[in-house]
Amino acid sequence: TDFHIENSNGALELLDPGAEIKSVSDNWMRHEGYYQLKQIFNAGEI
């Protein structure tokens, strides 16, 4: 009953890692082709 089906109310909380991480991750993605963003989600939710 903690999960929803076509019944989620309210705006989503967007997870923005910040300008520095964005810059680093963009460069890493262009050269390495991947990026790992560590533990950005709520542990209880996961």
All heavy atoms as atom14 arrays in JSON, in Angstrom:
{
  "sequence": "TDFHIENSNGALELLDPGAEIKSVSDNWMRHEGYYQLKQIFNAGEI",
  "atom14_mask": [
    [1, 1, 1, 1, 1, 1, 1, 0, 0, 0, 0, 0, 0, 0],
    [1, 1, 1, 1, 1, 1, 1, 1, 0, 0, 0, 0, 0, 0],
    [1, 1, 1, 1, 1, 1, 1, 1, 1, 1, 1, 0, 0, 0],
    [1, 1, 1, 1, 1, 1, 1, 1, 1, 1, 0, 0, 0, 0],
    [1, 1, 1, 1, 1, 1, 1, 1, 0, 0, 0, 0, 0, 0],
    [1, 1, 1, 1, 1, 1, 1, 1, 1, 0, 0, 0, 0, 0],
    [1, 1, 1, 1, 1, 1, 1, 1, 0, 0, 0, 0, 0, 0],
    [1, 1, 1, 1, 1, 1, 0, 0, 0, 0, 0, 0, 0, 0],
    [1, 1, 1, 1, 1, 1, 1, 1, 0, 0, 0, 0, 0, 0],
    [1, 1, 1, 1, 0, 0, 0, 0, 0, 0, 0, 0, 0, 0],
    [1, 1, 1, 1, 1, 0, 0, 0, 0, 0, 0, 0, 0, 0],
    [1, 1, 1, 1, 1, 1, 1, 1, 0, 0, 0, 0, 0, 0],
    [1, 1, 1, 1, 1, 1, 1, 1, 1, 0, 0, 0, 0, 0],
    [1, 1, 1, 1, 1, 1, 1, 1, 0, 0, 0, 0, 0, 0],
    [1, 1, 1, 1, 1, 1, 1, 1, 0, 0, 0, 0, 0, 0],
    [1, 1, 1, 1, 1, 1, 1, 1, 0, 0, 0, 0, 0, 0],
    [1, 1, 1, 1, 1, 1, 1, 0, 0, 0, 0, 0, 0, 0],
    [1, 1, 1, 1, 0, 0, 0, 0, 0, 0, 0, 0, 0, 0],
    [1, 1, 1, 1, 1, 0, 0, 0, 0, 0, 0, 0, 0, 0],
    [1, 1, 1, 1, 1, 1, 1, 1, 1, 0, 0, 0, 0, 0],
    [1, 1, 1, 1, 1, 1, 1, 1, 0, 0, 0, 0, 0, 0],
    [1, 1, 1, 1, 1, 1, 1, 1, 1, 0, 0, 0, 0, 0],
    [1, 1, 1, 1, 1, 1, 0, 0, 0, 0, 0, 0, 0, 0],
    [1, 1, 1, 1, 1, 1, 1, 0, 0, 0, 0, 0, 0, 0],
    [1, 1, 1, 1, 1, 1, 0, 0, 0, 0, 0, 0, 0, 0],
    [1, 1, 1, 1, 1, 1, 1, 1, 0, 0, 0, 0, 0, 0],
    [1, 1, 1, 1, 1, 1, 1, 1, 0, 0, 0, 0, 0, 0],
    [1, 1, 1, 1, 1, 1, 1, 1, 1, 1, 1, 1, 1, 1],
    [1, 1, 1, 1, 1, 1, 1, 1, 0, 0, 0, 0, 0, 0],
    [1, 1, 1, 1, 1, 1, 1, 1, 1, 1, 1, 0, 0, 0],
    [1, 1, 1, 1, 1, 1, 1, 1, 1, 1, 0, 0, 0, 0],
    [1, 1, 1, 1, 1, 1, 1, 1, 1, 0, 0, 0, 0, 0],
    [1, 1, 1, 1, 0, 0, 0, 0, 0, 0, 0, 0, 0, 0],
    [1, 1, 1, 1, 1, 1, 1, 1, 1, 1, 1, 1, 0, 0],
    [1, 1, 1, 1, 1, 1, 1, 1, 1, 1, 1, 1, 0, 0],
    [1, 1, 1, 1, 1, 1, 1, 1, 1, 0, 0, 0, 0, 0],
    [1, 1, 1, 1, 1, 1, 1, 1, 0, 0, 0, 0, 0, 0],
    [1, 1, 1, 1, 1, 1, 1, 1, 1, 0, 0, 0, 0, 0],
    [1, 1, 1, 1, 1, 1, 1, 1, 1, 0, 0, 0, 0, 0],
    [1, 1, 1, 1, 1, 1, 1, 1, 0, 0, 0, 0, 0, 0],
    [1, 1, 1, 1, 1, 1, 1, 1, 1, 1, 1, 0, 0, 0],
    [1, 1, 1, 1, 1, 1, 1, 1, 0, 0, 0, 0, 0, 0],
    [1, 1, 1, 1, 1, 0, 0, 0, 0, 0, 0, 0, 0, 0],
    [1, 1, 1, 1, 0, 0, 0, 0, 0, 0, 0, 0, 0, 0],
    [1, 1, 1, 1, 1, 1, 1, 1, 1, 0, 0, 0, 0, 0],
    [1, 1, 1, 1, 1, 1, 1, 1, 0, 0, 0, 0, 0, 0]
  ],
  "atom14_positions": [
    [[0.83, -1.21, 0.0], [0.0, 0.0, 0.0], [0.86, 1.26, 0.0], [0.34, 2.37, -0.07], [-0.92, 0.01, 1.24], [-0.11, -0.08, 2.43], [-1.89, -1.15, 1.2], [0.0, 0.0, 0.0], [0.0, 0.0, 0.0], [0.0, 0.0, 0.0], [0.0, 0.0, 0.0], [0.0, 0.0, 0.0], [0.0, 0.0, 0.0], [0.0, 0.0, 0.0]],
    [[2.17, 1.08, 0.05], [3.09, 2.23, 0.05], [3.44, 2.67, -1.36], [4.0, 3.75, -1.56], [4.39, 1.88, 0.79], [4.16, 1.63, 2.28], [3.25, 2.29, 2.84], [4.86, 0.79, 2.86], [0.0, 0.0, 0.0], [0.0, 0.0, 0.0], [0.0, 0.0, 0.0], [0.0, 0.0, 0.0], [0.0, 0.0, 0.0], [0.0, 0.0, 0.0]],
    [[3.11, 1.84, -2.35], [3.39, 2.17, -3.74], [2.08, 2.52, -4.44], [1.01, 2.03, -4.06], [4.11, 1.02, -4.43], [5.54, 0.87, -4.01], [5.85, 0.23, -2.82], [6.57, 1.4, -4.78], [7.18, 0.11, -2.41], [7.89, 1.28, -4.38], [8.2, 0.64, -3.2], [0.0, 0.0, 0.0], [0.0, 0.0, 0.0], [0.0, 0.0, 0.0]],
    [[2.17, 3.34, -5.46], [0.98, 3.88, -6.12], [0.84, 3.36, -7.54], [1.82, 3.02, -8.19], [1.05, 5.41, -6.14], [1.19, 6.03, -4.78], [2.41, 6.19, -4.16], [0.26, 6.51, -3.92], [2.23, 6.76, -2.97], [0.94, 6.95, -2.81], [0.0, 0.0, 0.0], [0.0, 0.0, 0.0], [0.0, 0.0, 0.0], [0.0, 0.0, 0.0]],
    [[-0.4, 3.35, -7.99], [-0.72, 2.98, -9.36], [-1.64, 4.06, -9.92], [-2.8, 4.16, -9.5], [-1.4, 1.6, -9.43], [-0.49, 0.53, -8.82], [-1.76, 1.25, -10.87], [-1.14, -0.84, -8.72], [0.0, 0.0, 0.0], [0.0, 0.0, 0.0], [0.0, 0.0, 0.0], [0.0, 0.0, 0.0], [0.0, 0.0, 0.0], [0.0, 0.0, 0.0]],
    [[-1.13, 4.87, -10.79], [-1.89, 5.98, -11.38], [-2.49, 6.87, -10.3], [-3.6, 7.36, -10.44], [-3.0, 5.45, -12.29], [-2.49, 4.62, -13.46], [-3.62, 4.11, -14.34], [-4.75, 3.96, -13.83], [-3.37, 3.86, -15.52], [0.0, 0.0, 0.0], [0.0, 0.0, 0.0], [0.0, 0.0, 0.0], [0.0, 0.0, 0.0], [0.0, 0.0, 0.0]],
    [[-1.75, 7.06, -9.25], [-2.33, 7.8, -8.13], [-1.27, 8.56, -7.33], [-1.36, 8.71, -6.12], [-3.07, 6.84, -7.19], [-3.89, 7.58, -6.15], [-4.44, 8.64, -6.42], [-3.96, 7.03, -4.94], [0.0, 0.0, 0.0], [0.0, 0.0, 0.0], [0.0, 0.0, 0.0], [0.0, 0.0, 0.0], [0.0, 0.0, 0.0], [0.0, 0.0, 0.0]],
    [[-0.23, 9.02, -7.99], [0.82, 9.77, -7.3], [0.49, 11.25, -7.36], [0.27, 11.81, -8.43], [2.18, 9.51, -7.94], [2.56, 8.18, -7.72], [0.0, 0.0, 0.0], [0.0, 0.0, 0.0], [0.0, 0.0, 0.0], [0.0, 0.0, 0.0], [0.0, 0.0, 0.0], [0.0, 0.0, 0.0], [0.0, 0.0, 0.0], [0.0, 0.0, 0.0]],
    [[0.44, 11.87, -6.21], [0.08, 13.28, -6.14], [1.32, 14.14, -5.86], [2.28, 13.69, -5.25], [-0.94, 13.52, -5.03], [-2.24, 12.77, -5.28], [-2.73, 12.75, -6.4], [-2.78, 12.14, -4.24], [0.0, 0.0, 0.0], [0.0, 0.0, 0.0], [0.0, 0.0, 0.0], [0.0, 0.0, 0.0], [0.0, 0.0, 0.0], [0.0, 0.0, 0.0]],
    [[1.27, 15.37, -6.33], [2.34, 16.3, -6.05], [3.46, 16.24, -7.08], [3.62, 15.29, -7.82], [0.0, 0.0, 0.0], [0.0, 0.0, 0.0], [0.0, 0.0, 0.0], [0.0, 0.0, 0.0], [0.0, 0.0, 0.0], [0.0, 0.0, 0.0], [0.0, 0.0, 0.0], [0.0, 0.0, 0.0], [0.0, 0.0, 0.0], [0.0, 0.0, 0.0]],
    [[4.26, 17.31, -7.1], [5.36, 17.4, -8.05], [6.54, 16.55, -7.58], [6.77, 16.37, -6.38], [5.8, 18.86, -8.19], [0.0, 0.0, 0.0], [0.0, 0.0, 0.0], [0.0, 0.0, 0.0], [0.0, 0.0, 0.0], [0.0, 0.0, 0.0], [0.0, 0.0, 0.0], [0.0, 0.0, 0.0], [0.0, 0.0, 0.0], [0.0, 0.0, 0.0]],
    [[7.28, 16.01, -8.54], [8.45, 15.21, -8.21], [9.58, 16.1, -7.71], [9.76, 17.23, -8.18], [8.93, 14.45, -9.44], [8.11, 13.25, -9.9], [8.74, 12.68, -11.15], [8.01, 12.21, -8.82], [0.0, 0.0, 0.0], [0.0, 0.0, 0.0], [0.0, 0.0, 0.0], [0.0, 0.0, 0.0], [0.0, 0.0, 0.0], [0.0, 0.0, 0.0]],
    [[10.33, 15.59, -6.76], [11.52, 16.28, -6.3], [12.68, 15.89, -7.22], [13.16, 14.76, -7.19], [11.85, 15.89, -4.86], [13.13, 16.53, -4.35], [13.53, 16.04, -2.97], [12.79, 15.21, -2.4], [14.59, 16.46, -2.48], [0.0, 0.0, 0.0], [0.0, 0.0, 0.0], [0.0, 0.0, 0.0], [0.0, 0.0, 0.0], [0.0, 0.0, 0.0]],
    [[13.11, 16.84, -8.06], [14.19, 16.56, -9.0], [15.52, 16.54, -8.25], [15.77, 17.37, -7.37], [14.22, 17.62, -10.1], [12.96, 17.71, -10.97], [13.14, 18.76, -12.05], [12.63, 16.36, -11.59], [0.0, 0.0, 0.0], [0.0, 0.0, 0.0], [0.0, 0.0, 0.0], [0.0, 0.0, 0.0], [0.0, 0.0, 0.0], [0.0, 0.0, 0.0]],
    [[16.36, 15.58, -8.6], [17.64, 15.42, -7.93], [18.74, 16.02, -8.79], [19.18, 15.42, -9.77], [17.9, 13.93, -7.68], [16.83, 13.22, -6.85], [17.15, 11.74, -6.73], [16.71, 13.85, -5.47], [0.0, 0.0, 0.0], [0.0, 0.0, 0.0], [0.0, 0.0, 0.0], [0.0, 0.0, 0.0], [0.0, 0.0, 0.0], [0.0, 0.0, 0.0]],
    [[19.17, 17.21, -8.45], [20.2, 17.91, -9.21], [21.52, 17.8, -8.45], [21.65, 18.31, -7.33], [19.81, 19.38, -9.38], [20.69, 20.09, -10.4], [21.85, 19.66, -10.58], [20.22, 21.06, -11.01], [0.0, 0.0, 0.0], [0.0, 0.0, 0.0], [0.0, 0.0, 0.0], [0.0, 0.0, 0.0], [0.0, 0.0, 0.0], [0.0, 0.0, 0.0]],
    [[22.53, 17.13, -9.02], [23.8, 16.93, -8.31], [24.69, 18.17, -8.24], [25.7, 18.17, -7.55], [24.47, 15.83, -9.13], [23.96, 16.05, -10.51], [22.52, 16.49, -10.34], [0.0, 0.0, 0.0], [0.0, 0.0, 0.0], [0.0, 0.0, 0.0], [0.0, 0.0, 0.0], [0.0, 0.0, 0.0], [0.0, 0.0, 0.0], [0.0, 0.0, 0.0]],
    [[24.32, 19.24, -8.96], [25.1, 20.46, -8.91], [25.99, 20.65, -10.13], [26.29, 19.71, -10.86], [0.0, 0.0, 0.0], [0.0, 0.0, 0.0], [0.0, 0.0, 0.0], [0.0, 0.0, 0.0], [0.0, 0.0, 0.0], [0.0, 0.0, 0.0], [0.0, 0.0, 0.0], [0.0, 0.0, 0.0], [0.0, 0.0, 0.0], [0.0, 0.0, 0.0]],
    [[26.45, 21.89, -10.33], [27.2, 22.26, -11.52], [28.54, 21.51, -11.64], [28.95, 21.11, -12.73], [27.45, 23.77, -11.54], [0.0, 0.0, 0.0], [0.0, 0.0, 0.0], [0.0, 0.0, 0.0], [0.0, 0.0, 0.0], [0.0, 0.0, 0.0], [0.0, 0.0, 0.0], [0.0, 0.0, 0.0], [0.0, 0.0, 0.0], [0.0, 0.0, 0.0]],
    [[29.23, 21.34, -10.51], [30.55, 20.68, -10.56], [30.43, 19.23, -11.01], [31.17, 18.78, -11.9], [31.22, 20.74, -9.2], [32.62, 20.13, -9.2], [33.34, 20.26, -7.86], [32.76, 20.88, -6.94], [34.46, 19.75, -7.75], [0.0, 0.0, 0.0], [0.0, 0.0, 0.0], [0.0, 0.0, 0.0], [0.0, 0.0, 0.0], [0.0, 0.0, 0.0]],
    [[29.48, 18.51, -10.43], [29.27, 17.11, -10.82], [28.82, 17.03, -12.27], [29.25, 16.14, -13.03], [28.23, 16.43, -9.9], [28.77, 16.29, -8.48], [27.84, 15.06, -10.45], [29.96, 15.38, -8.36], [0.0, 0.0, 0.0], [0.0, 0.0, 0.0], [0.0, 0.0, 0.0], [0.0, 0.0, 0.0], [0.0, 0.0, 0.0], [0.0, 0.0, 0.0]],
    [[27.98, 17.95, -12.69], [27.52, 17.95, -14.08], [28.7, 18.12, -15.04], [28.79, 17.46, -16.07], [26.5, 19.07, -14.3], [25.13, 18.78, -13.73], [24.18, 19.92, -14.05], [22.77, 19.65, -13.54], [21.86, 20.76, -13.84], [0.0, 0.0, 0.0], [0.0, 0.0, 0.0], [0.0, 0.0, 0.0], [0.0, 0.0, 0.0], [0.0, 0.0, 0.0]],
    [[29.61, 19.01, -14.71], [30.77, 19.25, -15.57], [31.67, 18.02, -15.63], [32.1, 17.59, -16.7], [31.56, 20.45, -15.06], [32.73, 20.65, -15.83], [0.0, 0.0, 0.0], [0.0, 0.0, 0.0], [0.0, 0.0, 0.0], [0.0, 0.0, 0.0], [0.0, 0.0, 0.0], [0.0, 0.0, 0.0], [0.0, 0.0, 0.0], [0.0, 0.0, 0.0]],
    [[31.96, 17.45, -14.47], [32.82, 16.27, -14.4], [32.18, 15.09, -15.13], [32.83, 14.39, -15.92], [33.11, 15.89, -12.93], [33.8, 14.53, -12.86], [33.96, 16.95, -12.27], [0.0, 0.0, 0.0], [0.0, 0.0, 0.0], [0.0, 0.0, 0.0], [0.0, 0.0, 0.0], [0.0, 0.0, 0.0], [0.0, 0.0, 0.0], [0.0, 0.0, 0.0]],
    [[30.89, 14.87, -14.88], [30.2, 13.73, -15.47], [30.08, 13.86, -16.98], [30.2, 12.88, -17.71], [28.81, 13.55, -14.85], [27.99, 14.69, -15.09], [0.0, 0.0, 0.0], [0.0, 0.0, 0.0], [0.0, 0.0, 0.0], [0.0, 0.0, 0.0], [0.0, 0.0, 0.0], [0.0, 0.0, 0.0], [0.0, 0.0, 0.0], [0.0, 0.0, 0.0]],
    [[29.88, 15.08, -17.47], [29.77, 15.3, -18.91], [31.09, 14.96, -19.6], [31.12, 14.28, -20.63], [29.38, 16.75, -19.2], [29.31, 17.04, -20.69], [28.45, 16.45, -21.36], [30.13, 17.85, -21.18], [0.0, 0.0, 0.0], [0.0, 0.0, 0.0], [0.0, 0.0, 0.0], [0.0, 0.0, 0.0], [0.0, 0.0, 0.0], [0.0, 0.0, 0.0]],
    [[32.19, 15.4, -19.03], [33.5, 15.11, -19.61], [33.8, 13.62, -19.55], [34.32, 13.03, -20.51], [34.58, 15.89, -18.84], [35.96, 15.71, -19.46], [36.22, 16.11, -20.57], [36.86, 15.1, -18.7], [0.0, 0.0, 0.0], [0.0, 0.0, 0.0], [0.0, 0.0, 0.0], [0.0, 0.0, 0.0], [0.0, 0.0, 0.0], [0.0, 0.0, 0.0]],
    [[33.45, 12.99, -18.42], [33.67, 11.55, -18.26], [32.85, 10.77, -19.27], [33.34, 9.81, -19.87], [33.3, 11.15, -16.83], [33.84, 9.82, -16.39], [33.31, 8.59, -16.66], [35.01, 9.58, -15.62], [34.06, 7.6, -16.09], [35.12, 8.17, -15.44], [35.97, 10.41, -15.02], [36.15, 7.59, -14.72], [37.0, 9.82, -14.31], [37.08, 8.44, -14.17]],
    [[31.62, 11.18, -19.46], [30.74, 10.49, -20.4], [31.27, 10.59, -21.83], [31.25, 9.61, -22.59], [29.33, 11.06, -20.31], [28.34, 10.46, -21.3], [27.93, 8.72, -20.95], [26.88, 8.92, -19.52], [0.0, 0.0, 0.0], [0.0, 0.0, 0.0], [0.0, 0.0, 0.0], [0.0, 0.0, 0.0], [0.0, 0.0, 0.0], [0.0, 0.0, 0.0]],
    [[31.76, 11.76, -22.21], [32.23, 11.96, -23.59], [33.48, 11.13, -23.9], [33.67, 10.68, -25.03], [32.5, 13.44, -23.86], [31.23, 14.27, -24.0], [31.49, 15.66, -24.54], [32.25, 16.48, -23.59], [33.48, 16.93, -23.81], [34.1, 16.62, -24.94], [34.09, 17.67, -22.91], [0.0, 0.0, 0.0], [0.0, 0.0, 0.0], [0.0, 0.0, 0.0]],
    [[34.33, 10.94, -22.9], [35.58, 10.23, -23.14], [35.52, 8.75, -22.74], [36.05, 7.89, -23.45], [36.72, 10.92, -22.4], [37.02, 12.29, -22.91], [37.74, 12.52, -24.07], [36.67, 13.52, -22.44], [37.84, 13.82, -24.29], [37.19, 14.44, -23.31], [0.0, 0.0, 0.0], [0.0, 0.0, 0.0], [0.0, 0.0, 0.0], [0.0, 0.0, 0.0]],
    [[34.9, 8.46, -21.61], [34.82, 7.09, -21.12], [33.54, 6.38, -21.57], [33.49, 5.16, -21.65], [34.87, 7.07, -19.59], [36.09, 7.77, -18.99], [37.27, 6.84, -18.83], [37.08, 5.62, -19.0], [38.37, 7.32, -18.51], [0.0, 0.0, 0.0], [0.0, 0.0, 0.0], [0.0, 0.0, 0.0], [0.0, 0.0, 0.0], [0.0, 0.0, 0.0]],
    [[32.5, 7.17, -21.81], [31.24, 6.59, -22.28], [30.3, 6.16, -21.18], [29.25, 5.58, -21.46], [0.0, 0.0, 0.0], [0.0, 0.0, 0.0], [0.0, 0.0, 0.0], [0.0, 0.0, 0.0], [0.0, 0.0, 0.0], [0.0, 0.0, 0.0], [0.0, 0.0, 0.0], [0.0, 0.0, 0.0], [0.0, 0.0, 0.0], [0.0, 0.0, 0.0]],
    [[30.64, 6.42, -19.92], [29.77, 6.04, -18.82], [30.02, 6.98, -17.64], [30.97, 7.74, -17.61], [30.06, 4.59, -18.38], [31.32, 4.45, -17.55], [31.28, 4.46, -16.15], [32.57, 4.34, -18.16], [32.44, 4.36, -15.39], [33.73, 4.24, -17.41], [33.67, 4.25, -16.02], [34.81, 4.18, -15.27], [0.0, 0.0, 0.0], [0.0, 0.0, 0.0]],
    [[29.13, 6.89, -16.66], [29.33, 7.64, -15.42], [28.53, 6.98, -14.3], [27.43, 6.49, -14.52], [28.89, 9.1, -15.55], [29.29, 9.94, -14.36], [30.62, 10.31, -14.18], [28.35, 10.33, -13.41], [31.0, 11.07, -13.08], [28.73, 11.09, -12.31], [30.06, 11.45, -12.15], [30.45, 12.18, -11.06], [0.0, 0.0, 0.0], [0.0, 0.0, 0.0]],
    [[29.12, 6.95, -13.1], [28.46, 6.39, -11.92], [28.21, 7.5, -10.92], [29.14, 8.12, -10.41], [29.34, 5.31, -11.28], [28.73, 4.68, -10.02], [29.63, 3.6, -9.43], [30.67, 3.25, -10.01], [29.23, 3.07, -8.29], [0.0, 0.0, 0.0], [0.0, 0.0, 0.0], [0.0, 0.0, 0.0], [0.0, 0.0, 0.0], [0.0, 0.0, 0.0]],
    [[26.94, 7.76, -10.65], [26.53, 8.78, -9.68], [26.16, 8.05, -8.4], [25.23, 7.25, -8.37], [25.34, 9.57, -10.22], [24.89, 10.79, -9.43], [26.0, 11.83, -9.35], [23.66, 11.41, -10.1], [0.0, 0.0, 0.0], [0.0, 0.0, 0.0], [0.0, 0.0, 0.0], [0.0, 0.0, 0.0], [0.0, 0.0, 0.0], [0.0, 0.0, 0.0]],
    [[26.9, 8.31, -7.34], [26.78, 7.48, -6.14], [25.7, 7.96, -5.17], [25.64, 9.14, -4.83], [28.13, 7.41, -5.43], [29.21, 6.74, -6.28], [30.51, 6.57, -5.52], [31.54, 5.84, -6.37], [32.82, 5.63, -5.65], [0.0, 0.0, 0.0], [0.0, 0.0, 0.0], [0.0, 0.0, 0.0], [0.0, 0.0, 0.0], [0.0, 0.0, 0.0]],
    [[24.87, 7.02, -4.76], [23.86, 7.17, -3.71], [23.14, 8.52, -3.73], [23.15, 9.26, -2.76], [24.51, 6.94, -2.36], [24.9, 5.49, -2.14], [25.28, 5.21, -0.7], [26.29, 5.7, -0.22], [24.47, 4.43, -0.01], [0.0, 0.0, 0.0], [0.0, 0.0, 0.0], [0.0, 0.0, 0.0], [0.0, 0.0, 0.0], [0.0, 0.0, 0.0]],
    [[22.48, 8.79, -4.83], [21.75, 10.04, -4.94], [20.31, 9.88, -4.46], [19.64, 10.86, -4.15], [21.78, 10.55, -6.4], [21.26, 11.99, -6.48], [21.0, 9.61, -7.33], [21.48, 12.66, -7.8], [0.0, 0.0, 0.0], [0.0, 0.0, 0.0], [0.0, 0.0, 0.0], [0.0, 0.0, 0.0], [0.0, 0.0, 0.0], [0.0, 0.0, 0.0]],
    [[19.84, 8.64, -4.32], [18.46, 8.39, -3.92], [18.35, 8.14, -2.42], [19.32, 7.77, -1.75], [17.88, 7.21, -4.68], [17.71, 7.45, -6.14], [18.61, 6.94, -7.05], [16.65, 8.21, -6.61], [18.47, 7.17, -8.41], [16.49, 8.44, -7.96], [17.4, 7.92, -8.86], [0.0, 0.0, 0.0], [0.0, 0.0, 0.0], [0.0, 0.0, 0.0]],
    [[17.14, 8.32, -1.91], [16.85, 8.03, -0.51], [16.98, 6.53, -0.26], [16.38, 5.71, -0.97], [15.43, 8.5, -0.19], [15.0, 8.16, 1.22], [14.56, 7.05, 1.49], [15.12, 9.12, 2.12], [0.0, 0.0, 0.0], [0.0, 0.0, 0.0], [0.0, 0.0, 0.0], [0.0, 0.0, 0.0], [0.0, 0.0, 0.0], [0.0, 0.0, 0.0]],
    [[17.77, 6.15, 0.73], [18.06, 4.74, 1.0], [16.79, 3.95, 1.34], [16.63, 2.81, 0.92], [19.08, 4.62, 2.12], [0.0, 0.0, 0.0], [0.0, 0.0, 0.0], [0.0, 0.0, 0.0], [0.0, 0.0, 0.0], [0.0, 0.0, 0.0], [0.0, 0.0, 0.0], [0.0, 0.0, 0.0], [0.0, 0.0, 0.0], [0.0, 0.0, 0.0]],
    [[15.89, 4.56, 2.12], [14.66, 3.89, 2.49], [13.78, 3.61, 1.28], [13.15, 2.54, 1.19], [0.0, 0.0, 0.0], [0.0, 0.0, 0.0], [0.0, 0.0, 0.0], [0.0, 0.0, 0.0], [0.0, 0.0, 0.0], [0.0, 0.0, 0.0], [0.0, 0.0, 0.0], [0.0, 0.0, 0.0], [0.0, 0.0, 0.0], [0.0, 0.0, 0.0]],
    [[13.72, 4.55, 0.35], [12.92, 4.38, -0.86], [13.47, 3.23, -1.7], [12.71, 2.38, -2.2], [12.94, 5.68, -1.67], [12.24, 5.6, -3.01], [12.41, 6.86, -3.85], [13.29, 7.68, -3.51], [11.68, 7.01, -4.83], [0.0, 0.0, 0.0], [0.0, 0.0, 0.0], [0.0, 0.0, 0.0], [0.0, 0.0, 0.0], [0.0, 0.0, 0.0]],
    [[14.78, 3.18, -1.84], [15.41, 2.13, -2.64], [15.2, 0.76, -2.0], [14.89, -0.23, -2.68], [16.91, 2.42, -2.81], [17.12, 3.69, -3.64], [17.62, 1.24, -3.46], [16.59, 3.61, -5.05], [0.0, 0.0, 0.0], [0.0, 0.0, 0.0], [0.0, 0.0, 0.0], [0.0, 0.0, 0.0], [0.0, 0.0, 0.0], [0.0, 0.0, 0.0]]
  ]
}
